[in-house]
PDB file of N, CA and C in Angstrom:
ATOM      1  N   MET A   1      -2.379 -12.876 -16.404  1.00  0.00           N
ATOM      2  CA  MET A   1      -1.042 -12.507 -15.993  1.00  0.00           C
ATOM      3  C   MET A   1      -0.357 -13.745 -15.421  1.00  0.00           C
ATOM      4  N   GLY A   2       0.859 -13.973 -15.881  1.00  0.00           N
ATOM      5  CA  GLY A   2       1.598 -15.139 -15.418  1.00  0.00           C
ATOM      6  C   GLY A   2       2.215 -14.937 -14.054  1.00  0.00           C
ATOM      7  N   LYS A   3       2.644 -16.058 -13.473  1.00  0.00           N
ATOM      8  CA  LYS A   3       3.255 -16.007 -12.143  1.00  0.00           C
ATOM      9  C   LYS A   3       4.509 -15.146 -12.137  1.00  0.00           C
ATOM     10  N   LEU A   4       5.320 -15.257 -13.175  1.00  0.00           N
ATOM     11  CA  LEU A   4       6.558 -14.485 -13.238  1.00  0.00           C
ATOM     12  C   LEU A   4       6.269 -12.991 -13.246  1.00  0.00           C
ATOM     13  N   GLN A   5       5.268 -12.574 -14.003  1.00  0.00           N
ATOM     14  CA  GLN A   5       4.913 -11.155 -14.052  1.00  0.00           C
ATOM     15  C   GLN A   5       4.425 -10.666 -12.691  1.00  0.00           C
ATOM     16  N   LYS A   6       3.623 -11.477 -12.006  1.00  0.00           N
ATOM     17  CA  LYS A   6       3.137 -11.096 -10.678  1.00  0.00           C
ATOM     18  C   LYS A   6       4.293 -10.959  -9.692  1.00  0.00           C
ATOM     19  N   ILE A   7       5.248 -11.871  -9.768  1.00  0.00           N
ATOM     20  CA  ILE A   7       6.412 -11.810  -8.881  1.00  0.00           C
ATOM     21  C   ILE A   7       7.215 -10.549  -9.167  1.00  0.00           C
ATOM     22  N   LYS A   8       7.405 -10.216 -10.449  1.00  0.00           N
ATOM     23  CA  LYS A   8       8.134  -9.002 -10.820  1.00  0.00           C
ATOM     24  C   LYS A   8       7.445  -7.763 -10.262  1.00  0.00           C
ATOM     25  N   GLU A   9       6.130  -7.690 -10.374  1.00  0.00           N
ATOM     26  CA  GLU A   9       5.382  -6.535  -9.879  1.00  0.00           C
ATOM     27  C   GLU A   9       5.485  -6.426  -8.360  1.00  0.00           C
ATOM     28  N   GLU A  10       5.416  -7.546  -7.672  1.00  0.00           N
ATOM     29  CA  GLU A  10       5.524  -7.524  -6.214  1.00  0.00           C
ATOM     30  C   GLU A  10       6.918  -7.064  -5.783  1.00  0.00           C
ATOM     31  N   LEU A  11       7.942  -7.523  -6.491  1.00  0.00           N
ATOM     32  CA  LEU A  11       9.301  -7.087  -6.176  1.00  0.00           C
ATOM     33  C   LEU A  11       9.474  -5.595  -6.431  1.00  0.00           C
ATOM     34  N   GLN A  12       8.882  -5.097  -7.517  1.00  0.00           N
ATOM     35  CA  GLN A  12       8.962  -3.672  -7.804  1.00  0.00           C
ATOM     36  C   GLN A  12       8.320  -2.865  -6.685  1.00  0.00           C
ATOM     37  N   LYS A  13       7.199  -3.321  -6.182  1.00  0.00           N
ATOM     38  CA  LYS A  13       6.522  -2.626  -5.087  1.00  0.00           C
ATOM     39  C   LYS A  13       7.413  -2.560  -3.851  1.00  0.00           C
ATOM     40  N   LEU A  14       8.125  -3.655  -3.590  1.00  0.00           N
ATOM     41  CA  LEU A  14       8.984  -3.694  -2.418  1.00  0.00           C
ATOM     42  C   LEU A  14      10.232  -2.834  -2.593  1.00  0.00           C
ATOM     43  N   LEU A  15      10.757  -2.787  -3.801  1.00  0.00           N
ATOM     44  CA  LEU A  15      12.000  -2.061  -4.047  1.00  0.00           C
ATOM     45  C   LEU A  15      11.795  -0.565  -4.217  1.00  0.00           C
ATOM     46  N   LEU A  16      10.671  -0.180  -4.781  1.00  0.00           N
ATOM     47  CA  LEU A  16      10.405   1.236  -4.996  1.00  0.00           C
ATOM     48  C   LEU A  16       9.919   1.874  -3.697  1.00  0.00           C
ATOM     49  N   LYS A  17      10.376   3.058  -3.452  1.00  0.00           N
ATOM     50  CA  LYS A  17       9.877   3.793  -2.301  1.00  0.00           C
ATOM     51  C   LYS A  17       8.620   4.519  -2.756  1.00  0.00           C
ATOM     52  N   TYR A  18       7.496   4.118  -2.226  1.00  0.00           N
ATOM     53  CA  TYR A  18       6.271   4.802  -2.592  1.00  0.00           C
ATOM     54  C   TYR A  18       5.486   5.145  -1.339  1.00  0.00           C
ATOM     55  N   ALA A  19       4.647   6.132  -1.502  1.00  0.00           N
ATOM     56  CA  ALA A  19       3.859   6.612  -0.374  1.00  0.00           C
ATOM     57  C   ALA A  19       2.381   6.565  -0.748  1.00  0.00           C
ATOM     58  N   VAL A  20       1.537   6.727   0.248  1.00  0.00           N
ATOM     59  CA  VAL A  20       0.100   6.713   0.028  1.00  0.00           C
ATOM     60  C   VAL A  20      -0.537   7.895   0.728  1.00  0.00           C
ATOM     61  N   VAL A  21      -1.676   8.299   0.209  1.00  0.00           N
ATOM     62  CA  VAL A  21      -2.472   9.337   0.849  1.00  0.00           C
ATOM     63  C   VAL A  21      -3.929   8.885   0.782  1.00  0.00           C
ATOM     64  N   LYS A  22      -4.620   8.938   1.931  1.00  0.00           N
ATOM     65  CA  LYS A  22      -6.024   8.549   1.986  1.00  0.00           C
ATOM     66  C   LYS A  22      -6.876   9.709   1.497  1.00  0.00           C
ATOM     67  N   THR A  23      -7.877   9.383   0.654  1.00  0.00           N
ATOM     68  CA  THR A  23      -8.776  10.399   0.127  1.00  0.00           C
ATOM     69  C   THR A  23     -10.212   9.907   0.224  1.00  0.00           C
ATOM     70  N   ASN A  24     -11.130  10.795  -0.133  1.00  0.00           N
ATOM     71  CA  ASN A  24     -12.543  10.429  -0.144  1.00  0.00           C
ATOM     72  C   ASN A  24     -12.853   9.380  -1.209  1.00  0.00           C
ATOM     73  N   ASN A  25     -11.980   9.231  -2.199  1.00  0.00           N
ATOM     74  CA  ASN A  25     -12.186   8.262  -3.280  1.00  0.00           C
ATOM     75  C   ASN A  25     -11.222   7.094  -3.204  1.00  0.00           C
ATOM     76  N   GLY A  26     -10.689   6.831  -2.028  1.00  0.00           N
ATOM     77  CA  GLY A  26      -9.772   5.712  -1.871  1.00  0.00           C
ATOM     78  C   GLY A  26      -8.347   6.183  -1.650  1.00  0.00           C
ATOM     79  N   ILE A  27      -7.425   5.256  -1.740  1.00  0.00           N
ATOM     80  CA  ILE A  27      -6.021   5.542  -1.455  1.00  0.00           C
ATOM     81  C   ILE A  27      -5.267   5.805  -2.755  1.00  0.00           C
ATOM     82  N   LEU A  28      -4.584   6.957  -2.802  1.00  0.00           N
ATOM     83  CA  LEU A  28      -3.708   7.276  -3.924  1.00  0.00           C
ATOM     84  C   LEU A  28      -2.295   6.871  -3.542  1.00  0.00           C
ATOM     85  N   GLU A  29      -1.592   6.255  -4.481  1.00  0.00           N
ATOM     86  CA  GLU A  29      -0.205   5.860  -4.276  1.00  0.00           C
ATOM     87  C   GLU A  29       0.667   6.674  -5.214  1.00  0.00           C
ATOM     88  N   TYR A  30       1.885   6.990  -4.748  1.00  0.00           N
ATOM     89  CA  TYR A  30       2.820   7.724  -5.597  1.00  0.00           C
ATOM     90  C   TYR A  30       4.240   7.358  -5.206  1.00  0.00           C
ATOM     91  N   ASP A  31       5.165   7.536  -6.127  1.00  0.00           N
ATOM     92  CA  ASP A  31       6.563   7.228  -5.892  1.00  0.00           C
ATOM     93  C   ASP A  31       7.262   8.477  -5.383  1.00  0.00           C
ATOM     94  N   GLY A  32       7.965   8.359  -4.274  1.00  0.00           N
ATOM     95  CA  GLY A  32       8.694   9.490  -3.742  1.00  0.00           C
ATOM     96  C   GLY A  32       8.227   9.862  -2.356  1.00  0.00           C
ATOM     97  N   GLU A  33       8.776  10.981  -1.877  1.00  0.00           N
ATOM     98  CA  GLU A  33       8.459  11.421  -0.528  1.00  0.00           C
ATOM     99  C   GLU A  33       7.326  12.436  -0.488  1.00  0.00           C
ATOM    100  N   ASP A  34       7.370  13.429  -1.379  1.00  0.00           N
ATOM    101  CA  ASP A  34       6.371  14.492  -1.389  1.00  0.00           C
ATOM    102  C   ASP A  34       5.539  14.439  -2.660  1.00  0.00           C
ATOM    103  N   LEU A  35       4.241  14.568  -2.511  1.00  0.00           N
ATOM    104  CA  LEU A  35       3.346  14.593  -3.656  1.00  0.00           C
ATOM    105  C   LEU A  35       3.293  16.018  -4.206  1.00  0.00           C
ATOM    106  N   VAL A  36       3.634  16.163  -5.478  1.00  0.00           N
ATOM    107  CA  VAL A  36       3.634  17.483  -6.118  1.00  0.00           C
ATOM    108  C   VAL A  36       2.995  17.379  -7.500  1.00  0.00           C
ATOM    109  N   ALA A  37       2.598  18.533  -8.022  1.00  0.00           N
ATOM    110  CA  ALA A  37       2.001  18.579  -9.357  1.00  0.00           C
ATOM    111  C   ALA A  37       2.952  17.961 -10.379  1.00  0.00           C
ATOM    112  N   GLY A  38       2.373  17.214 -11.311  1.00  0.00           N
ATOM    113  CA  GLY A  38       3.146  16.565 -12.359  1.00  0.00           C
ATOM    114  C   GLY A  38       3.503  15.120 -12.069  1.00  0.00           C
ATOM    115  N   MET A  39       3.347  14.697 -10.819  1.00  0.00           N
ATOM    116  CA  MET A  39       3.694  13.317 -10.458  1.00  0.00           C
ATOM    117  C   MET A  39       2.619  12.336 -10.917  1.00  0.00           C
ATOM    118  N   ASP A  40       3.059  11.126 -11.233  1.00  0.00           N
ATOM    119  CA  ASP A  40       2.133  10.046 -11.525  1.00  0.00           C
ATOM    120  C   ASP A  40       1.506   9.577 -10.219  1.00  0.00           C
ATOM    121  N   VAL A  41       0.200   9.290 -10.251  1.00  0.00           N
ATOM    122  CA  VAL A  41      -0.492   8.740  -9.087  1.00  0.00           C
ATOM    123  C   VAL A  41      -1.236   7.485  -9.505  1.00  0.00           C
ATOM    124  N   PHE A  42      -1.334   6.553  -8.582  1.00  0.00           N
ATOM    125  CA  PHE A  42      -1.883   5.238  -8.866  1.00  0.00           C
ATOM    126  C   PHE A  42      -2.908   4.830  -7.822  1.00  0.00           C
ATOM    127  N   VAL A  43      -3.703   3.837  -8.178  1.00  0.00           N
ATOM    128  CA  VAL A  43      -4.591   3.154  -7.243  1.00  0.00           C
ATOM    129  C   VAL A  43      -4.390   1.662  -7.469  1.00  0.00           C
ATOM    130  N   THR A  44      -4.801   0.866  -6.512  1.00  0.00           N
ATOM    131  CA  THR A  44      -4.762  -0.582  -6.680  1.00  0.00           C
ATOM    132  C   THR A  44      -6.158  -1.028  -7.079  1.00  0.00           C
ATOM    133  N   ASP A  45      -6.254  -1.685  -8.240  1.00  0.00           N
ATOM    134  CA  ASP A  45      -7.572  -2.089  -8.733  1.00  0.00           C
ATOM    135  C   ASP A  45      -8.052  -3.371  -8.067  1.00  0.00           C
ATOM    136  N   GLU A  46      -9.229  -3.840  -8.476  1.00  0.00           N
ATOM    137  CA  GLU A  46      -9.843  -5.009  -7.854  1.00  0.00           C
ATOM    138  C   GLU A  46      -9.038  -6.289  -8.069  1.00  0.00           C
ATOM    139  N   ASN A  47      -8.101  -6.280  -9.035  1.00  0.00           N
ATOM    140  CA  ASN A  47      -7.253  -7.438  -9.285  1.00  0.00           C
ATOM    141  C   ASN A  47      -5.933  -7.345  -8.527  1.00  0.00           C
ATOM    142  N   GLY A  48      -5.783  -6.290  -7.725  1.00  0.00           N
ATOM    143  CA  GLY A  48      -4.559  -6.111  -6.973  1.00  0.00           C
ATOM    144  C   GLY A  48      -3.430  -5.487  -7.775  1.00  0.00           C
ATOM    145  N   GLU A  49      -3.759  -4.966  -8.963  1.00  0.00           N
ATOM    146  CA  GLU A  49      -2.743  -4.352  -9.814  1.00  0.00           C
ATOM    147  C   GLU A  49      -2.714  -2.848  -9.603  1.00  0.00           C
ATOM    148  N   ARG A  50      -1.555  -2.282  -9.682  1.00  0.00           N
ATOM    149  CA  ARG A  50      -1.369  -0.832  -9.539  1.00  0.00           C
ATOM    150  C   ARG A  50      -1.604  -0.189 -10.901  1.00  0.00           C
ATOM    151  N   VAL A  51      -2.633   0.666 -10.980  1.00  0.00           N
ATOM    152  CA  VAL A  51      -2.996   1.315 -12.236  1.00  0.00           C
ATOM    153  C   VAL A  51      -3.086   2.825 -12.035  1.00  0.00           C
ATOM    154  N   ALA A  52      -3.030   3.566 -13.125  1.00  0.00           N
ATOM    155  CA  ALA A  52      -3.121   5.029 -13.048  1.00  0.00           C
ATOM    156  C   ALA A  52      -4.449   5.430 -12.409  1.00  0.00           C
ATOM    157  N   ALA A  53      -4.390   6.454 -11.562  1.00  0.00           N
ATOM    158  CA  ALA A  53      -5.597   6.965 -10.912  1.00  0.00           C
ATOM    159  C   ALA A  53      -6.510   7.599 -11.958  1.00  0.00           C
ATOM    160  N   GLU A  54      -7.798   7.492 -11.723  1.00  0.00           N
ATOM    161  CA  GLU A  54      -8.778   8.074 -12.640  1.00  0.00           C
ATOM    162  C   GLU A  54      -8.800   9.587 -12.512  1.00  0.00           C
ATOM    163  N   ASN A  55      -9.232  10.246 -13.575  1.00  0.00           N
ATOM    164  CA  ASN A  55      -9.390  11.702 -13.552  1.00  0.00           C
ATOM    165  C   ASN A  55     -10.406  12.094 -12.494  1.00  0.00           C
ATOM    166  N   GLY A  56     -10.161  13.228 -11.856  1.00  0.00           N
ATOM    167  CA  GLY A  56     -11.119  13.731 -10.886  1.00  0.00           C
ATOM    168  C   GLY A  56     -10.450  14.432  -9.732  1.00  0.00           C
ATOM    169  N   GLU A  57     -11.276  14.783  -8.756  1.00  0.00           N
ATOM    170  CA  GLU A  57     -10.783  15.450  -7.557  1.00  0.00           C
ATOM    171  C   GLU A  57     -10.816  14.473  -6.393  1.00  0.00           C
ATOM    172  N   TYR A  58      -9.755  14.489  -5.626  1.00  0.00           N
ATOM    173  CA  TYR A  58      -9.598  13.636  -4.466  1.00  0.00           C
ATOM    174  C   TYR A  58      -9.361  14.548  -3.266  1.00  0.00           C
ATOM    175  N   VAL A  59     -10.173  14.416  -2.229  1.00  0.00           N
ATOM    176  CA  VAL A  59     -10.045  15.258  -1.039  1.00  0.00           C
ATOM    177  C   VAL A  59      -9.394  14.420   0.059  1.00  0.00           C
ATOM    178  N   THR A  60      -8.279  14.937   0.606  1.00  0.00           N
ATOM    179  CA  THR A  60      -7.534  14.219   1.633  1.00  0.00           C
ATOM    180  C   THR A  60      -8.180  14.419   3.004  1.00  0.00           C
ATOM    181  N   GLU A  61      -7.667  13.680   3.988  1.00  0.00           N
ATOM    182  CA  GLU A  61      -8.191  13.782   5.349  1.00  0.00           C
ATOM    183  C   GLU A  61      -7.988  15.173   5.935  1.00  0.00           C
ATOM    184  N   ASP A  62      -6.959  15.898   5.462  1.00  0.00           N
ATOM    185  CA  ASP A  62      -6.732  17.261   5.953  1.00  0.00           C
ATOM    186  C   ASP A  62      -7.318  18.309   4.999  1.00  0.00           C
ATOM    187  N   ASN A  63      -8.280  17.880   4.178  1.00  0.00           N
ATOM    188  CA  ASN A  63      -9.075  18.727   3.282  1.00  0.00           C
ATOM    189  C   ASN A  63      -8.318  19.380   2.129  1.00  0.00           C
ATOM    190  N   LYS A  64      -7.167  18.827   1.752  1.00  0.00           N
ATOM    191  CA  LYS A  64      -6.505  19.281   0.533  1.00  0.00           C
ATOM    192  C   LYS A  64      -7.224  18.635  -0.643  1.00  0.00           C
ATOM    193  N   THR A  65      -7.329  19.358  -1.742  1.00  0.00           N
ATOM    194  CA  THR A  65      -7.961  18.814  -2.938  1.00  0.00           C
ATOM    195  C   THR A  65      -6.882  18.532  -3.975  1.00  0.00           C
ATOM    196  N   ILE A  66      -6.780  17.267  -4.363  1.00  0.00           N
ATOM    197  CA  ILE A  66      -5.816  16.840  -5.373  1.00  0.00           C
ATOM    198  C   ILE A  66      -6.595  16.597  -6.652  1.00  0.00           C
ATOM    199  N   THR A  67      -6.241  17.328  -7.709  1.00  0.00           N
ATOM    200  CA  THR A  67      -6.886  17.137  -9.001  1.00  0.00           C
ATOM    201  C   THR A  67      -5.991  16.262  -9.857  1.00  0.00           C
ATOM    202  N   VAL A  68      -6.567  15.179 -10.398  1.00  0.00           N
ATOM    203  CA  VAL A  68      -5.821  14.223 -11.210  1.00  0.00           C
ATOM    204  C   VAL A  68      -6.357  14.257 -12.636  1.00  0.00           C
ATOM    205  N   ALA A  69      -5.436  14.309 -13.602  1.00  0.00           N
ATOM    206  CA  ALA A  69      -5.783  14.245 -15.022  1.00  0.00           C
ATOM    207  C   ALA A  69      -4.765  13.347 -15.712  1.00  0.00           C
ATOM    208  N   ASP A  70      -5.244  12.393 -16.450  1.00  0.00           N
ATOM    209  CA  ASP A  70      -4.387  11.453 -17.181  1.00  0.00           C
ATOM    210  C   ASP A  70      -3.372  10.752 -16.287  1.00  0.00           C
ATOM    211  N   GLY A  71      -3.784  10.416 -15.050  1.00  0.00           N
ATOM    212  CA  GLY A  71      -2.922   9.684 -14.142  1.00  0.00           C
ATOM    213  C   GLY A  71      -1.841  10.494 -13.476  1.00  0.00           C
ATOM    214  N   LYS A  72      -1.904  11.821 -13.626  1.00  0.00           N
ATOM    215  CA  LYS A  72      -0.919  12.703 -13.029  1.00  0.00           C
ATOM    216  C   LYS A  72      -1.609  13.760 -12.164  1.00  0.00           C
ATOM    217  N   VAL A  73      -0.884  14.219 -11.138  1.00  0.00           N
ATOM    218  CA  VAL A  73      -1.400  15.299 -10.301  1.00  0.00           C
ATOM    219  C   VAL A  73      -1.384  16.576 -11.121  1.00  0.00           C
ATOM    220  N   GLU A  74      -2.547  17.172 -11.280  1.00  0.00           N
ATOM    221  CA  GLU A  74      -2.647  18.441 -12.008  1.00  0.00           C
ATOM    222  C   GLU A  74      -2.446  19.604 -11.037  1.00  0.00           C
ATOM    223  N   SER A  75      -3.047  19.474  -9.849  1.00  0.00           N
ATOM    224  CA  SER A  75      -2.886  20.522  -8.836  1.00  0.00           C
ATOM    225  C   SER A  75      -3.203  19.954  -7.457  1.00  0.00           C
ATOM    226  N   ILE A  76      -2.668  20.659  -6.448  1.00  0.00           N
ATOM    227  CA  ILE A  76      -2.969  20.368  -5.051  1.00  0.00           C
ATOM    228  C   ILE A  76      -3.337  21.686  -4.414  1.00  0.00           C
ATOM    229  N   VAL A  77      -4.564  21.768  -3.867  1.00  0.00           N
ATOM    230  CA  VAL A  77      -5.046  23.015  -3.297  1.00  0.00           C
ATOM    231  C   VAL A  77      -5.322  22.813  -1.815  1.00  0.00           C
ATOM    232  N   ASP A  78      -4.701  23.666  -0.991  1.00  0.00           N
ATOM    233  CA  ASP A  78      -4.949  23.650   0.443  1.00  0.00           C
ATOM    234  C   ASP A  78      -6.313  24.285   0.719  1.00  0.00           C
ATOM    235  N   PRO A  79      -6.961  23.853   1.821  1.00  0.00           N
ATOM    236  CA  PRO A  79      -8.279  24.422   2.135  1.00  0.00           C
ATOM    237  C   PRO A  79      -8.199  25.895   2.498  1.00  0.00           C
TER     238      PRO A  79
END
């Protein structure tokens, strides 16, 4: 990845309003204020790049279960 591309990605991160939620499988990132079904969710990989979250279940600190499929929230279940 070139320097220009890295600068563009960093600027996008600063300009976009995104939020994070801590889970048992790391931090999920999403664009917007409220996380709802159908939204894209991301993680930061070992190279520092924002990539689609892997399929699976993510349990939050308040015990909500977020199911992710194809990089999108499939469901959010309260305990």
